[in-house]
Amino acid sequence: MISELCLCDLGGEVEVVLRHEGLIEAPNWHPDGYLVVNGGGAIYRVPLEAPALERIDTGFAVRLNNDHGISPCGRWLAISDHTEPGSSCIYRLPVEGGTPERVTEATPSWWHGWSPDGARMAYAGARGDRRVVQLYTCAAEGGDERLLTGAFDHADGPDYGADGQWIWFNGEREARVDLWRVRPDGTELERMTGGPTVDWFPHPSPDGRNVVFLAYPPGTVGHPGGRDVALMLMPSEGGAARVLTRLHGGQGTLNVPCWEPGGGRFAFMRYTA
């Protein structure tokens, strides 16, 4: 497999910045102008001026998945790792590397978003006997877990809007997956897409204007990799979405916040055999 780390602008122009033989996933964009990706249980920095994989020291956490992200201040890196508890747990550590500090006591938990003020994290988690994945928030340093959604067969991919007034996510009801948004206190739930595609991983832009998301073909179950998918752009207030680019990907392409700080471009992954 060849993984291509790409940048895309609002006109759909795609630039490949790194080609890697093997699987890398889920780019974030640091305010200082480098990207962060994961692969093989590790996490890497990719400088845009000289793209290459530079491993970030994550201490004991060596079984990372692709749910990670950078704090609004640029100082912290949230990771999801299952080395110690045996299922996905959220930690934070300095963005340059170091010893992870545990954030979520309950597992499994998969990190997805940071509030604009840096005070809270949003994530997916499975709790109770039924183990249905729903959305939660907690304090960035841990504790104060709050259930955000409870009326979905599966909810995933929460990400805060630029002003912190909404949390966007994908939610499954009656065997269809659409994009939704909800207030951080769990009120004013709104469906934001309703077309034939299976819509995942919405990411609002830092300027508050747009939301980019991943669209699977109708009938797709879950969020698999190795599929022909599209990256879509829609206004943040809702409305028609347009195709930016089509690619081979899915899982790993757009799992986490990925926008350039100014909102003019975002990073994503595509894959070739």
Protein backbone atom coordinates (compact mmCIF):
# COMPACT_ATOMS: atom_id res chain seq x y z
CA MET A 1 0.00 0.00 0.00
CA ILE A 2 1.10 3.56 -0.76
CA SER A 3 -0.22 6.30 1.54
CA GLU A 4 -0.35 9.80 0.07
CA LEU A 5 -0.49 12.71 2.49
CA CYS A 6 -2.34 15.46 0.63
CA LEU A 7 -3.46 19.06 0.99
CA CYS A 8 -6.68 20.32 -0.59
CA ASP A 9 -7.86 23.89 -1.07
CA LEU A 10 -11.44 25.13 -1.30
CA GLY A 11 -11.40 24.83 -5.07
CA GLY A 12 -10.55 21.13 -4.91
CA GLU A 13 -6.90 21.49 -5.96
CA VAL A 14 -4.90 18.65 -4.40
CA GLU A 15 -1.18 18.69 -3.61
CA VAL A 16 0.65 15.51 -2.54
CA VAL A 17 3.26 16.40 0.09
CA LEU A 18 4.44 12.91 1.10
CA ARG A 19 4.22 9.40 -0.37
CA HIS A 20 4.88 6.56 2.08
CA GLU A 21 5.08 2.83 1.44
CA GLY A 22 2.86 1.53 4.23
CA LEU A 23 -0.14 2.83 6.15
CA ILE A 24 -0.24 6.29 7.69
CA GLU A 25 -3.48 7.98 8.71
CA ALA A 26 -5.42 10.92 10.08
CA PRO A 27 -3.48 14.17 9.59
CA ASN A 28 -3.75 17.12 11.99
CA TRP A 29 -2.34 20.58 11.19
CA HIS A 30 -0.26 22.33 13.86
CA PRO A 31 -0.34 26.18 14.00
CA ASP A 32 3.44 26.20 13.47
CA GLY A 33 3.02 24.69 10.00
CA TYR A 34 3.61 20.98 10.34
CA LEU A 35 1.31 17.96 10.16
CA VAL A 36 0.83 15.08 12.61
CA VAL A 37 -0.09 11.57 11.44
CA ASN A 38 -0.13 8.06 12.92
CA GLY A 39 1.02 4.71 11.63
CA GLY A 40 2.01 1.33 13.05
CA GLY A 41 0.98 2.26 16.58
CA ALA A 42 3.18 5.39 16.62
CA ILE A 43 2.64 9.08 15.86
CA TYR A 44 4.76 11.30 13.64
CA ARG A 45 5.46 14.95 12.86
CA VAL A 46 5.68 15.87 9.15
CA PRO A 47 7.38 19.26 8.50
CA LEU A 48 5.86 20.83 5.39
CA GLU A 49 9.11 22.55 4.39
CA ALA A 50 10.88 19.15 4.16
CA PRO A 51 8.23 16.41 4.41
CA ALA A 52 9.37 13.27 6.25
CA LEU A 53 8.10 11.13 9.12
CA GLU A 54 9.65 12.25 12.43
CA ARG A 55 8.51 10.05 15.32
CA ILE A 56 7.11 11.77 18.41
CA ASP A 57 8.06 10.20 21.73
CA THR A 58 4.87 8.93 23.42
CA GLY A 59 6.52 7.04 26.28
CA PHE A 60 4.73 3.82 27.22
CA ALA A 61 1.92 4.48 24.70
CA VAL A 62 2.98 2.44 21.66
CA ARG A 63 -0.37 1.11 20.42
CA LEU A 64 -1.96 4.31 19.17
CA ASN A 65 -4.97 4.36 16.86
CA ASN A 66 -5.85 7.19 14.50
CA ASP A 67 -7.83 9.35 16.95
CA HIS A 68 -5.47 12.17 17.95
CA GLY A 69 -5.32 15.94 17.83
CA ILE A 70 -3.58 19.18 18.75
CA SER A 71 -4.88 21.62 21.37
CA PRO A 72 -5.94 25.12 20.21
CA CYS A 73 -2.89 26.64 21.93
CA GLY A 74 -0.59 24.20 20.10
CA ARG A 75 1.04 22.94 23.34
CA TRP A 76 -0.77 19.63 23.83
CA LEU A 77 -1.33 16.50 21.82
CA ALA A 78 -4.30 14.23 22.60
CA ILE A 79 -3.84 10.57 21.72
CA SER A 80 -5.93 7.40 21.93
CA ASP A 81 -3.95 4.33 22.91
CA HIS A 82 -4.69 0.84 24.24
CA THR A 83 -1.26 -0.24 25.55
CA GLU A 84 -2.06 -0.24 29.29
CA PRO A 85 -5.85 -0.66 29.70
CA GLY A 86 -6.24 -3.03 26.74
CA SER A 87 -8.88 -0.85 25.05
CA SER A 88 -8.71 2.67 23.67
CA CYS A 89 -7.99 5.30 26.33
CA ILE A 90 -7.42 9.04 25.86
CA TYR A 91 -4.21 10.67 27.08
CA ARG A 92 -2.55 14.04 26.59
CA LEU A 93 1.14 14.87 26.39
CA PRO A 94 3.30 17.81 25.29
CA VAL A 95 3.11 18.22 21.51
CA GLU A 96 6.91 17.80 21.23
CA GLY A 97 6.61 14.44 23.02
CA GLY A 98 6.81 13.14 26.57
CA THR A 99 5.00 11.02 29.11
CA PRO A 100 1.25 10.71 28.48
CA GLU A 101 -1.19 11.81 31.19
CA ARG A 102 -4.41 9.79 31.36
CA VAL A 103 -7.59 11.77 30.60
CA THR A 104 -10.46 9.25 30.47
CA GLU A 105 -10.98 6.73 33.24
CA ALA A 106 -13.67 4.81 31.34
CA THR A 107 -12.75 2.83 28.23
CA PRO A 108 -13.03 2.43 25.35
CA SER A 109 -12.75 6.14 24.51
CA TRP A 110 -11.65 7.59 21.16
CA TRP A 111 -10.59 11.26 21.03
CA HIS A 112 -12.04 13.50 18.30
CA GLY A 113 -12.25 17.18 19.19
CA TRP A 114 -10.97 19.99 21.41
CA SER A 115 -13.12 22.98 22.38
CA PRO A 116 -11.79 26.29 20.98
CA ASP A 117 -10.90 27.53 24.48
CA GLY A 118 -8.97 24.32 25.18
CA ALA A 119 -11.06 23.53 28.27
CA ARG A 120 -12.85 20.37 27.11
CA MET A 121 -12.45 17.37 24.82
CA ALA A 122 -15.17 15.63 22.79
CA TYR A 123 -14.91 11.93 22.06
CA ALA A 124 -16.72 8.71 21.24
CA GLY A 125 -17.08 6.08 23.91
CA ALA A 126 -18.85 2.81 24.65
CA ARG A 127 -20.34 2.48 28.13
CA GLY A 128 -22.65 0.13 29.97
CA ASP A 129 -23.83 -3.36 29.08
CA ARG A 130 -24.96 -2.58 25.53
CA ARG A 131 -21.64 -0.94 24.56
CA VAL A 132 -23.36 1.37 22.09
CA VAL A 133 -20.94 4.08 20.92
CA GLN A 134 -22.19 7.54 21.89
CA LEU A 135 -20.56 10.95 22.34
CA TYR A 136 -19.11 12.43 25.50
CA THR A 137 -17.18 15.47 26.65
CA CYS A 138 -14.83 15.86 29.60
CA ALA A 139 -12.41 18.38 31.05
CA ALA A 140 -9.17 18.54 29.08
CA GLU A 141 -7.16 17.44 32.12
CA GLY A 142 -9.62 14.61 32.83
CA GLY A 143 -12.79 14.09 34.83
CA ASP A 144 -16.32 15.50 34.55
CA GLU A 145 -17.43 13.08 31.82
CA ARG A 146 -20.78 14.16 30.33
CA LEU A 147 -22.96 12.22 27.89
CA LEU A 148 -23.68 14.36 24.83
CA THR A 149 -25.88 12.01 22.78
CA GLY A 150 -28.01 9.05 23.70
CA ALA A 151 -30.58 8.64 20.95
CA PHE A 152 -28.45 7.09 18.19
CA ASP A 153 -27.62 3.55 17.16
CA HIS A 154 -24.04 4.82 16.78
CA ALA A 155 -22.57 8.32 17.09
CA ASP A 156 -19.00 9.25 16.18
CA GLY A 157 -16.52 11.89 15.02
CA PRO A 158 -17.43 14.90 17.22
CA ASP A 159 -15.68 18.17 16.37
CA TYR A 160 -16.33 21.66 17.72
CA GLY A 161 -17.25 24.59 15.51
CA ALA A 162 -14.93 27.59 15.50
CA ASP A 163 -16.94 29.57 18.06
CA GLY A 164 -17.56 26.58 20.33
CA GLN A 165 -21.34 26.94 20.03
CA TRP A 166 -21.91 23.65 18.20
CA ILE A 167 -20.43 20.17 18.14
CA TRP A 168 -20.71 18.44 14.76
CA PHE A 169 -20.78 14.64 14.45
CA ASN A 170 -22.07 11.74 12.39
CA GLY A 171 -25.00 9.82 13.80
CA GLU A 172 -26.74 6.62 12.74
CA ARG A 173 -30.48 6.16 13.02
CA GLU A 174 -32.68 3.60 11.25
CA ALA A 175 -29.71 2.25 9.26
CA ARG A 176 -28.72 5.64 7.77
CA VAL A 177 -25.79 7.85 8.73
CA ASP A 178 -26.05 11.63 8.44
CA LEU A 179 -24.23 14.63 9.84
CA TRP A 180 -25.71 16.30 12.90
CA ARG A 181 -24.83 19.11 15.23
CA VAL A 182 -25.74 19.74 18.87
CA ARG A 183 -25.02 22.34 21.51
CA PRO A 184 -22.21 21.46 23.95
CA ASP A 185 -24.85 20.94 26.66
CA GLY A 186 -26.65 18.34 24.51
CA THR A 187 -29.58 20.56 23.46
CA GLU A 188 -30.86 21.76 20.04
CA LEU A 189 -29.98 18.65 18.06
CA GLU A 190 -30.09 19.32 14.29
CA ARG A 191 -29.71 17.02 11.29
CA MET A 192 -27.39 18.74 8.76
CA THR A 193 -27.33 16.26 5.85
CA GLY A 194 -29.96 13.88 4.54
CA GLY A 195 -28.87 12.72 1.11
CA PRO A 196 -28.18 9.19 -0.14
CA THR A 197 -24.50 9.08 0.85
CA VAL A 198 -23.19 7.71 4.16
CA ASP A 199 -21.63 10.79 5.77
CA TRP A 200 -18.80 10.65 8.34
CA PHE A 201 -16.28 12.82 10.17
CA PRO A 202 -17.43 16.45 9.81
CA HIS A 203 -14.75 19.07 10.51
CA PRO A 204 -15.74 22.75 10.78
CA SER A 205 -13.17 25.19 9.42
CA PRO A 206 -11.31 27.56 11.79
CA ASP A 207 -12.84 30.62 10.09
CA GLY A 208 -16.36 29.34 10.81
CA ARG A 209 -17.44 29.26 7.18
CA ASN A 210 -17.31 25.65 6.04
CA VAL A 211 -17.48 22.02 7.06
CA VAL A 212 -15.52 19.31 5.25
CA PHE A 213 -16.65 15.70 5.55
CA LEU A 214 -16.21 12.20 4.12
CA ALA A 215 -19.00 10.71 1.99
CA TYR A 216 -19.24 6.95 1.44
CA PRO A 217 -21.42 5.32 -1.22
CA PRO A 218 -25.00 4.46 -0.22
CA GLY A 219 -25.25 1.23 1.72
CA THR A 220 -21.78 1.39 3.30
CA VAL A 221 -21.72 -0.10 6.79
CA GLY A 222 -19.41 1.53 9.32
CA HIS A 223 -16.40 3.53 8.12
CA PRO A 224 -14.19 1.02 6.32
CA GLY A 225 -10.97 1.68 4.46
CA GLY A 226 -10.27 0.73 0.88
CA ARG A 227 -13.36 2.36 -0.60
CA ASP A 228 -14.04 4.90 -3.32
CA VAL A 229 -15.17 7.96 -1.37
CA ALA A 230 -15.58 11.71 -1.78
CA LEU A 231 -14.52 14.70 0.27
CA MET A 232 -17.40 17.16 0.49
CA LEU A 233 -17.65 20.81 1.50
CA MET A 234 -20.77 22.47 2.87
CA PRO A 235 -21.55 25.86 4.47
CA SER A 236 -21.37 25.79 8.26
CA GLU A 237 -24.93 27.12 8.52
CA GLY A 238 -26.14 24.18 6.44
CA GLY A 239 -27.15 23.76 2.80
CA ALA A 240 -26.01 21.94 -0.28
CA ALA A 241 -22.62 20.21 -0.21
CA ARG A 242 -20.27 19.99 -3.18
CA VAL A 243 -17.61 17.47 -4.11
CA LEU A 244 -14.05 18.70 -3.64
CA THR A 245 -12.26 15.53 -4.71
CA ARG A 246 -12.85 11.80 -5.13
CA LEU A 247 -10.32 9.27 -3.91
CA HIS A 248 -9.63 5.74 -2.66
CA GLY A 249 -9.70 5.77 1.11
CA GLY A 250 -12.20 5.99 3.95
CA GLN A 251 -10.86 4.90 7.34
CA GLY A 252 -7.73 6.99 7.96
CA THR A 253 -8.58 9.66 5.38
CA LEU A 254 -10.25 12.34 7.50
CA ASN A 255 -10.83 10.96 11.02
CA VAL A 256 -9.68 13.99 13.01
CA PRO A 257 -9.47 17.83 12.81
CA CYS A 258 -7.40 18.58 9.73
CA TRP A 259 -7.72 22.27 8.76
CA GLU A 260 -4.92 24.74 8.21
CA PRO A 261 -5.30 27.48 10.86
CA GLY A 262 -6.56 30.07 8.35
CA GLY A 263 -9.23 27.77 6.94
CA GLY A 264 -7.99 27.88 3.35
CA ARG A 265 -6.79 24.26 3.12
CA PHE A 266 -7.06 20.97 4.93
CA ALA A 267 -4.98 17.79 5.01
CA PHE A 268 -6.20 14.27 4.18
CA MET A 269 -4.92 10.81 3.27
CA ARG A 270 -5.55 8.77 0.12
CA TYR A 271 -4.29 5.31 -0.72
CA THR A 272 -3.16 3.30 -3.71
CA ALA A 273 -2.29 -0.39 -4.03
